[in-house]
Amino acid sequence: MAEFRRTVVEACLVGVLLLLVAIAANEAYPDGLELRRDYFRPDVRPLPADTPATAATTPPPERPDGTPDVAPEGATPPGDPVAAAAPSDEEIAKVEARIRAEGLQTISHAEVVELFEDPIYQDGAYVFVDARNDAHYEAGHVPGAYQFDHFRMERYVNEVVPACQGALRVVVYCYGRDCTDSEIAAKHLKNFGVDPSILAVYVPGIQGWCADGRQVEKGPRGSGEIGACDS
């Protein structure tokens, strides 16, 4: 009889423990567990709206000149036109070498066009990320590209990071030439758990895109306002 009572007590304790685990899981994932999600891979969950984006990352990357990636209070990142002369092959090669030295991949204009024209781009298999600020993004961006201004990451991280983590390829770009915004944005995305093997910087940027006569989307993402680059 004593053995039976001990077995019953142990079973009750196990049941209580499982109940506590279930309650904790429910609190952590109130919308339920995603059956297709691998909860054992390095990952990040979307941050609460009032949580600074840098809280889930290592310290912010520095710019190539060694200065911190921090915008002065009230400052706006430098401006740039949408369309301008495309960077030369020499300029592109120099910047690509610097970016690869930082442990990031680069991607050519031809490869970018191929990804964009692949039908599965529309299904989210490939993600384009525009690292410029509001004014320049809305003046014209690669159709369907997400905005990720690293100076204002908290605005975009909850939408952009999950999209990137579910993609087969992520292309980050900014103005072009020696623009460092795409490089810094790519580093932040990597810190947020985006697989570096799918992450690449498109050095020609919006300049190279427009110089090839490609169309852009104006206004917010999904606006449907597609047209030529502004001169």
C-alpha atoms as a PDB file:
ATOM      1  CA  MET A   1       0.000   0.000   0.000  1.00  0.00           C
ATOM      2  CA  ALA A   2       2.862   2.379   0.832  1.00  0.00           C
ATOM      3  CA  GLU A   3       4.372   1.765  -2.587  1.00  0.00           C
ATOM      4  CA  PHE A   4       1.014   2.554  -4.228  1.00  0.00           C
ATOM      5  CA  ARG A   5       0.692   5.836  -2.289  1.00  0.00           C
ATOM      6  CA  ARG A   6       4.226   6.856  -3.258  1.00  0.00           C
ATOM      7  CA  THR A   7       3.439   6.147  -6.926  1.00  0.00           C
ATOM      8  CA  VAL A   8       0.270   8.231  -6.737  1.00  0.00           C
ATOM      9  CA  VAL A   9       2.124  11.135  -5.090  1.00  0.00           C
ATOM     10  CA  GLU A  10       4.870  11.031  -7.728  1.00  0.00           C
ATOM     11  CA  ALA A  11       2.273  10.969 -10.499  1.00  0.00           C
ATOM     12  CA  CYS A  12       0.551  14.000  -8.986  1.00  0.00           C
ATOM     13  CA  LEU A  13       3.855  15.886  -8.766  1.00  0.00           C
ATOM     14  CA  VAL A  14       4.637  15.121 -12.412  1.00  0.00           C
ATOM     15  CA  GLY A  15       1.154  16.296 -13.370  1.00  0.00           C
ATOM     16  CA  VAL A  16       1.612  19.564 -11.467  1.00  0.00           C
ATOM     17  CA  LEU A  17       5.011  20.082 -13.108  1.00  0.00           C
ATOM     18  CA  LEU A  18       3.560  19.512 -16.589  1.00  0.00           C
ATOM     19  CA  LEU A  19       0.743  21.927 -15.800  1.00  0.00           C
ATOM     20  CA  LEU A  20       3.241  24.619 -14.787  1.00  0.00           C
ATOM     21  CA  VAL A  21       5.229  24.038 -17.993  1.00  0.00           C
ATOM     22  CA  ALA A  22       2.041  24.314 -20.061  1.00  0.00           C
ATOM     23  CA  ILE A  23       1.094  27.566 -18.330  1.00  0.00           C
ATOM     24  CA  ALA A  24       4.562  29.001 -18.947  1.00  0.00           C
ATOM     25  CA  ALA A  25       4.417  27.993 -22.628  1.00  0.00           C
ATOM     26  CA  ASN A  26       1.014  29.578 -22.980  1.00  0.00           C
ATOM     27  CA  GLU A  27       2.316  32.826 -21.488  1.00  0.00           C
ATOM     28  CA  ALA A  28       5.351  32.824 -23.796  1.00  0.00           C
ATOM     29  CA  TYR A  29       3.350  31.967 -26.930  1.00  0.00           C
ATOM     30  CA  PRO A  30      -0.228  33.241 -26.401  1.00  0.00           C
ATOM     31  CA  ASP A  31      -1.040  32.714 -30.101  1.00  0.00           C
ATOM     32  CA  GLY A  32       0.028  29.080 -29.965  1.00  0.00           C
ATOM     33  CA  LEU A  33       3.080  27.281 -31.286  1.00  0.00           C
ATOM     34  CA  GLU A  34       3.844  27.326 -35.009  1.00  0.00           C
ATOM     35  CA  LEU A  35       4.155  23.716 -36.162  1.00  0.00           C
ATOM     36  CA  ARG A  36       6.543  24.599 -39.017  1.00  0.00           C
ATOM     37  CA  ARG A  37       8.827  26.772 -36.888  1.00  0.00           C
ATOM     38  CA  ASP A  38      12.113  25.379 -35.593  1.00  0.00           C
ATOM     39  CA  TYR A  39      12.227  26.593 -31.979  1.00  0.00           C
ATOM     40  CA  PHE A  40      15.748  25.245 -31.523  1.00  0.00           C
ATOM     41  CA  ARG A  41      17.520  27.373 -34.169  1.00  0.00           C
ATOM     42  CA  PRO A  42      19.033  30.756 -33.304  1.00  0.00           C
ATOM     43  CA  ASP A  43      16.083  33.041 -33.715  1.00  0.00           C
ATOM     44  CA  VAL A  44      14.411  36.163 -32.444  1.00  0.00           C
ATOM     45  CA  ARG A  45      10.762  36.817 -31.757  1.00  0.00           C
ATOM     46  CA  PRO A  46       9.193  40.127 -32.758  1.00  0.00           C
ATOM     47  CA  LEU A  47       9.926  42.787 -30.166  1.00  0.00           C
ATOM     48  CA  PRO A  48       7.194  44.671 -28.325  1.00  0.00           C
ATOM     49  CA  ALA A  49       6.529  48.056 -29.914  1.00  0.00           C
ATOM     50  CA  ASP A  50       8.037  49.881 -26.927  1.00  0.00           C
ATOM     51  CA  THR A  51      11.224  47.810 -26.810  1.00  0.00           C
ATOM     52  CA  PRO A  52      14.388  49.406 -28.304  1.00  0.00           C
ATOM     53  CA  ALA A  53      15.525  47.310 -31.251  1.00  0.00           C
ATOM     54  CA  THR A  54      19.127  47.245 -30.023  1.00  0.00           C
ATOM     55  CA  ALA A  55      18.063  45.315 -26.901  1.00  0.00           C
ATOM     56  CA  ALA A  56      18.146  42.012 -28.820  1.00  0.00           C
ATOM     57  CA  THR A  57      21.427  42.626 -30.578  1.00  0.00           C
ATOM     58  CA  THR A  58      25.100  42.908 -29.895  1.00  0.00           C
ATOM     59  CA  PRO A  59      26.366  46.507 -29.721  1.00  0.00           C
ATOM     60  CA  PRO A  60      25.505  48.481 -32.889  1.00  0.00           C
ATOM     61  CA  PRO A  61      28.006  48.112 -35.742  1.00  0.00           C
ATOM     62  CA  GLU A  62      30.359  50.943 -36.458  1.00  0.00           C
ATOM     63  CA  ARG A  63      30.679  52.731 -39.774  1.00  0.00           C
ATOM     64  CA  PRO A  64      33.781  52.002 -41.877  1.00  0.00           C
ATOM     65  CA  ASP A  65      35.443  55.136 -40.482  1.00  0.00           C
ATOM     66  CA  GLY A  66      35.039  53.813 -36.937  1.00  0.00           C
ATOM     67  CA  THR A  67      32.268  56.175 -35.849  1.00  0.00           C
ATOM     68  CA  PRO A  68      29.295  54.627 -34.002  1.00  0.00           C
ATOM     69  CA  ASP A  69      26.110  53.869 -35.916  1.00  0.00           C
ATOM     70  CA  VAL A  70      24.115  56.505 -34.043  1.00  0.00           C
ATOM     71  CA  ALA A  71      22.238  59.436 -35.545  1.00  0.00           C
ATOM     72  CA  PRO A  72      22.617  62.745 -33.660  1.00  0.00           C
ATOM     73  CA  GLU A  73      19.499  63.760 -31.764  1.00  0.00           C
ATOM     74  CA  GLY A  74      16.986  65.225 -34.197  1.00  0.00           C
ATOM     75  CA  ALA A  75      19.246  64.640 -37.182  1.00  0.00           C
ATOM     76  CA  THR A  76      18.165  63.225 -40.513  1.00  0.00           C
ATOM     77  CA  PRO A  77      20.496  60.911 -42.476  1.00  0.00           C
ATOM     78  CA  PRO A  78      22.152  62.563 -45.485  1.00  0.00           C
ATOM     79  CA  GLY A  79      19.919  63.055 -48.497  1.00  0.00           C
ATOM     80  CA  ASP A  80      20.222  61.435 -51.883  1.00  0.00           C
ATOM     81  CA  PRO A  81      18.325  61.630 -55.144  1.00  0.00           C
ATOM     82  CA  VAL A  82      16.572  58.557 -56.499  1.00  0.00           C
ATOM     83  CA  ALA A  83      18.259  58.506 -59.872  1.00  0.00           C
ATOM     84  CA  ALA A  84      21.825  59.445 -60.700  1.00  0.00           C
ATOM     85  CA  ALA A  85      24.738  58.114 -62.678  1.00  0.00           C
ATOM     86  CA  ALA A  86      25.405  54.493 -61.810  1.00  0.00           C
ATOM     87  CA  PRO A  87      28.623  53.816 -59.899  1.00  0.00           C
ATOM     88  CA  SER A  88      31.544  52.689 -62.004  1.00  0.00           C
ATOM     89  CA  ASP A  89      32.804  49.112 -62.001  1.00  0.00           C
ATOM     90  CA  GLU A  90      35.915  50.290 -60.163  1.00  0.00           C
ATOM     91  CA  GLU A  91      33.838  51.969 -57.441  1.00  0.00           C
ATOM     92  CA  ILE A  92      31.669  48.891 -57.056  1.00  0.00           C
ATOM     93  CA  ALA A  93      34.667  46.547 -56.828  1.00  0.00           C
ATOM     94  CA  LYS A  94      36.291  48.705 -54.136  1.00  0.00           C
ATOM     95  CA  VAL A  95      33.180  48.813 -51.968  1.00  0.00           C
ATOM     96  CA  GLU A  96      32.448  45.105 -52.485  1.00  0.00           C
ATOM     97  CA  ALA A  97      35.951  44.222 -51.292  1.00  0.00           C
ATOM     98  CA  ARG A  98      35.434  46.276 -48.133  1.00  0.00           C
ATOM     99  CA  ILE A  99      32.053  44.684 -47.421  1.00  0.00           C
ATOM    100  CA  ARG A 100      33.368  41.150 -47.930  1.00  0.00           C
ATOM    101  CA  ALA A 101      36.227  41.966 -45.557  1.00  0.00           C
ATOM    102  CA  GLU A 102      33.513  42.691 -42.971  1.00  0.00           C
ATOM    103  CA  GLY A 103      32.203  39.150 -43.342  1.00  0.00           C
ATOM    104  CA  LEU A 104      29.210  40.018 -45.526  1.00  0.00           C
ATOM    105  CA  GLN A 105      28.295  38.771 -49.001  1.00  0.00           C
ATOM    106  CA  THR A 106      27.712  40.989 -52.023  1.00  0.00           C
ATOM    107  CA  ILE A 107      25.457  40.421 -55.021  1.00  0.00           C
ATOM    108  CA  SER A 108      25.755  41.654 -58.606  1.00  0.00           C
ATOM    109  CA  HIS A 109      23.193  43.706 -60.490  1.00  0.00           C
ATOM    110  CA  ALA A 110      22.504  40.807 -62.863  1.00  0.00           C
ATOM    111  CA  GLU A 111      21.769  38.472 -59.947  1.00  0.00           C
ATOM    112  CA  VAL A 112      19.484  41.067 -58.348  1.00  0.00           C
ATOM    113  CA  VAL A 113      17.469  41.431 -61.546  1.00  0.00           C
ATOM    114  CA  GLU A 114      17.218  37.639 -61.840  1.00  0.00           C
ATOM    115  CA  LEU A 115      15.840  37.365 -58.291  1.00  0.00           C
ATOM    116  CA  PHE A 116      13.399  40.215 -58.843  1.00  0.00           C
ATOM    117  CA  GLU A 117      12.044  38.673 -62.048  1.00  0.00           C
ATOM    118  CA  ASP A 118      11.688  35.203 -60.542  1.00  0.00           C
ATOM    119  CA  PRO A 119       7.955  34.544 -59.930  1.00  0.00           C
ATOM    120  CA  ILE A 120       8.627  33.333 -56.385  1.00  0.00           C
ATOM    121  CA  TYR A 121       9.781  36.854 -55.448  1.00  0.00           C
ATOM    122  CA  GLN A 122       6.117  37.815 -55.293  1.00  0.00           C
ATOM    123  CA  ASP A 123       5.557  34.992 -52.782  1.00  0.00           C
ATOM    124  CA  GLY A 124       8.199  36.332 -50.387  1.00  0.00           C
ATOM    125  CA  ALA A 125      10.879  33.768 -51.206  1.00  0.00           C
ATOM    126  CA  TYR A 126      13.302  36.622 -51.861  1.00  0.00           C
ATOM    127  CA  VAL A 127      13.283  39.794 -49.766  1.00  0.00           C
ATOM    128  CA  PHE A 128      14.649  43.181 -50.789  1.00  0.00           C
ATOM    129  CA  VAL A 129      15.503  45.596 -47.980  1.00  0.00           C
ATOM    130  CA  ASP A 130      15.916  49.339 -48.594  1.00  0.00           C
ATOM    131  CA  ALA A 131      18.136  50.933 -45.938  1.00  0.00           C
ATOM    132  CA  ARG A 132      17.295  54.571 -46.763  1.00  0.00           C
ATOM    133  CA  ASN A 133      15.160  57.035 -44.829  1.00  0.00           C
ATOM    134  CA  ASP A 134      11.453  57.775 -45.331  1.00  0.00           C
ATOM    135  CA  ALA A 135      11.738  60.563 -47.905  1.00  0.00           C
ATOM    136  CA  HIS A 136      14.061  58.655 -50.207  1.00  0.00           C
ATOM    137  CA  TYR A 137      12.317  55.311 -49.797  1.00  0.00           C
ATOM    138  CA  GLU A 138       8.947  56.825 -50.690  1.00  0.00           C
ATOM    139  CA  ALA A 139      10.454  58.717 -53.636  1.00  0.00           C
ATOM    140  CA  GLY A 140      11.211  55.370 -55.245  1.00  0.00           C
ATOM    141  CA  HIS A 141      12.315  51.911 -54.126  1.00  0.00           C
ATOM    142  CA  VAL A 142      12.617  48.468 -55.685  1.00  0.00           C
ATOM    143  CA  PRO A 143       8.978  47.325 -55.984  1.00  0.00           C
ATOM    144  CA  GLY A 144       8.031  45.267 -52.947  1.00  0.00           C
ATOM    145  CA  ALA A 145      11.160  46.169 -50.963  1.00  0.00           C
ATOM    146  CA  TYR A 146      10.856  46.555 -47.210  1.00  0.00           C
ATOM    147  CA  GLN A 147      12.200  49.700 -45.583  1.00  0.00           C
ATOM    148  CA  PHE A 148      14.806  49.262 -42.825  1.00  0.00           C
ATOM    149  CA  ASP A 149      16.336  52.602 -41.866  1.00  0.00           C
ATOM    150  CA  HIS A 150      18.863  51.475 -39.269  1.00  0.00           C
ATOM    151  CA  PHE A 151      18.658  54.851 -37.535  1.00  0.00           C
ATOM    152  CA  ARG A 152      14.985  54.108 -36.781  1.00  0.00           C
ATOM    153  CA  MET A 153      15.087  50.303 -36.462  1.00  0.00           C
ATOM    154  CA  GLU A 154      12.332  50.105 -33.873  1.00  0.00           C
ATOM    155  CA  ARG A 155       9.833  51.135 -36.566  1.00  0.00           C
ATOM    156  CA  TYR A 156      10.610  48.237 -38.868  1.00  0.00           C
ATOM    157  CA  VAL A 157      12.188  45.335 -37.001  1.00  0.00           C
ATOM    158  CA  ASN A 158       8.965  43.476 -36.130  1.00  0.00           C
ATOM    159  CA  GLU A 159       7.970  43.298 -39.799  1.00  0.00           C
ATOM    160  CA  VAL A 160      11.323  43.038 -41.559  1.00  0.00           C
ATOM    161  CA  VAL A 161      13.172  40.485 -39.435  1.00  0.00           C
ATOM    162  CA  PRO A 162      10.504  37.727 -39.651  1.00  0.00           C
ATOM    163  CA  ALA A 163      10.215  38.311 -43.416  1.00  0.00           C
ATOM    164  CA  CYS A 164      13.982  37.929 -43.790  1.00  0.00           C
ATOM    165  CA  GLN A 165      14.137  34.827 -41.607  1.00  0.00           C
ATOM    166  CA  GLY A 166      11.567  33.112 -43.793  1.00  0.00           C
ATOM    167  CA  ALA A 167      13.307  34.000 -47.067  1.00  0.00           C
ATOM    168  CA  LEU A 168      15.636  32.056 -49.325  1.00  0.00           C
ATOM    169  CA  ARG A 169      17.652  35.197 -50.146  1.00  0.00           C
ATOM    170  CA  VAL A 170      17.802  38.694 -48.640  1.00  0.00           C
ATOM    171  CA  VAL A 171      19.166  41.642 -50.650  1.00  0.00           C
ATOM    172  CA  VAL A 172      19.999  44.867 -48.788  1.00  0.00           C
ATOM    173  CA  TYR A 173      20.662  48.083 -50.682  1.00  0.00           C
ATOM    174  CA  CYS A 174      20.760  51.843 -50.196  1.00  0.00           C
ATOM    175  CA  TYR A 175      21.770  54.743 -52.457  1.00  0.00           C
ATOM    176  CA  GLY A 176      24.814  53.156 -54.076  1.00  0.00           C
ATOM    177  CA  ARG A 177      28.493  53.786 -54.479  1.00  0.00           C
ATOM    178  CA  ASP A 178      30.096  54.146 -51.025  1.00  0.00           C
ATOM    179  CA  CYS A 179      26.756  54.274 -49.198  1.00  0.00           C
ATOM    180  CA  THR A 180      27.336  52.535 -45.865  1.00  0.00           C
ATOM    181  CA  ASP A 181      23.682  52.296 -44.827  1.00  0.00           C
ATOM    182  CA  SER A 182      23.128  48.962 -46.581  1.00  0.00           C
ATOM    183  CA  GLU A 183      26.272  47.520 -45.003  1.00  0.00           C
ATOM    184  CA  ILE A 184      25.226  48.605 -41.505  1.00  0.00           C
ATOM    185  CA  ALA A 185      21.641  47.458 -41.996  1.00  0.00           C
ATOM    186  CA  ALA A 186      22.888  44.021 -43.108  1.00  0.00           C
ATOM    187  CA  LYS A 187      25.018  43.756 -39.966  1.00  0.00           C
ATOM    188  CA  HIS A 188      22.013  44.587 -37.808  1.00  0.00           C
ATOM    189  CA  LEU A 189      19.883  41.983 -39.591  1.00  0.00           C
ATOM    190  CA  LYS A 190      22.595  39.402 -38.997  1.00  0.00           C
ATOM    191  CA  ASN A 191      22.652  40.348 -35.304  1.00  0.00           C
ATOM    192  CA  PHE A 192      18.893  39.847 -35.207  1.00  0.00           C
ATOM    193  CA  GLY A 193      19.329  36.236 -36.328  1.00  0.00           C
ATOM    194  CA  VAL A 194      19.043  36.443 -40.121  1.00  0.00           C
ATOM    195  CA  ASP A 195      21.210  33.681 -41.583  1.00  0.00           C
ATOM    196  CA  PRO A 196      24.320  35.360 -43.060  1.00  0.00           C
ATOM    197  CA  SER A 197      24.453  32.716 -45.799  1.00  0.00           C
ATOM    198  CA  ILE A 198      21.288  34.177 -47.369  1.00  0.00           C
ATOM    199  CA  LEU A 199      22.160  37.830 -46.709  1.00  0.00           C
ATOM    200  CA  ALA A 200      23.832  39.967 -49.396  1.00  0.00           C
ATOM    201  CA  VAL A 201      24.532  43.660 -50.011  1.00  0.00           C
ATOM    202  CA  TYR A 202      23.670  45.089 -53.429  1.00  0.00           C
ATOM    203  CA  VAL A 203      26.402  47.720 -53.810  1.00  0.00           C
ATOM    204  CA  PRO A 204      25.105  49.523 -56.968  1.00  0.00           C
ATOM    205  CA  GLY A 205      21.990  50.317 -54.927  1.00  0.00           C
ATOM    206  CA  ILE A 206      19.096  52.343 -56.232  1.00  0.00           C
ATOM    207  CA  GLN A 207      21.524  54.172 -58.550  1.00  0.00           C
ATOM    208  CA  GLY A 208      22.419  50.967 -60.348  1.00  0.00           C
ATOM    209  CA  TRP A 209      18.780  49.889 -60.417  1.00  0.00           C
ATOM    210  CA  CYS A 210      17.616  53.133 -62.001  1.00  0.00           C
ATOM    211  CA  ALA A 211      20.568  53.411 -64.383  1.00  0.00           C
ATOM    212  CA  ASP A 212      19.441  50.096 -65.891  1.00  0.00           C
ATOM    213  CA  GLY A 213      16.030  51.600 -66.649  1.00  0.00           C
ATOM    214  CA  ARG A 214      14.278  49.561 -63.972  1.00  0.00           C
ATOM    215  CA  GLN A 215      11.019  50.844 -62.523  1.00  0.00           C
ATOM    216  CA  VAL A 216      10.453  51.767 -58.894  1.00  0.00           C
ATOM    217  CA  GLU A 217       7.532  51.734 -56.499  1.00  0.00           C
ATOM    218  CA  LYS A 218       6.665  55.111 -54.997  1.00  0.00           C
ATOM    219  CA  GLY A 219       5.066  55.771 -51.648  1.00  0.00           C
ATOM    220  CA  PRO A 220       4.746  52.987 -49.074  1.00  0.00           C
ATOM    221  CA  ARG A 221       5.405  49.328 -49.783  1.00  0.00           C
ATOM    222  CA  GLY A 222       2.518  47.802 -51.713  1.00  0.00           C
ATOM    223  CA  SER A 223       1.217  51.157 -52.953  1.00  0.00           C
ATOM    224  CA  GLY A 224       1.075  49.800 -56.502  1.00  0.00           C
ATOM    225  CA  GLU A 225       2.371  53.128 -57.817  1.00  0.00           C
ATOM    226  CA  ILE A 226       5.002  51.835 -60.229  1.00  0.00           C
ATOM    227  CA  GLY A 227       6.890  54.149 -62.556  1.00  0.00           C
ATOM    228  CA  ALA A 228      10.208  55.411 -63.811  1.00  0.00           C
ATOM    229  CA  CYS A 229      12.872  56.734 -61.494  1.00  0.00           C
ATOM    230  CA  ASP A 230      12.843  60.486 -60.918  1.00  0.00           C
ATOM    231  CA  SER A 231      15.633  62.320 -62.626  1.00  0.00           C
END
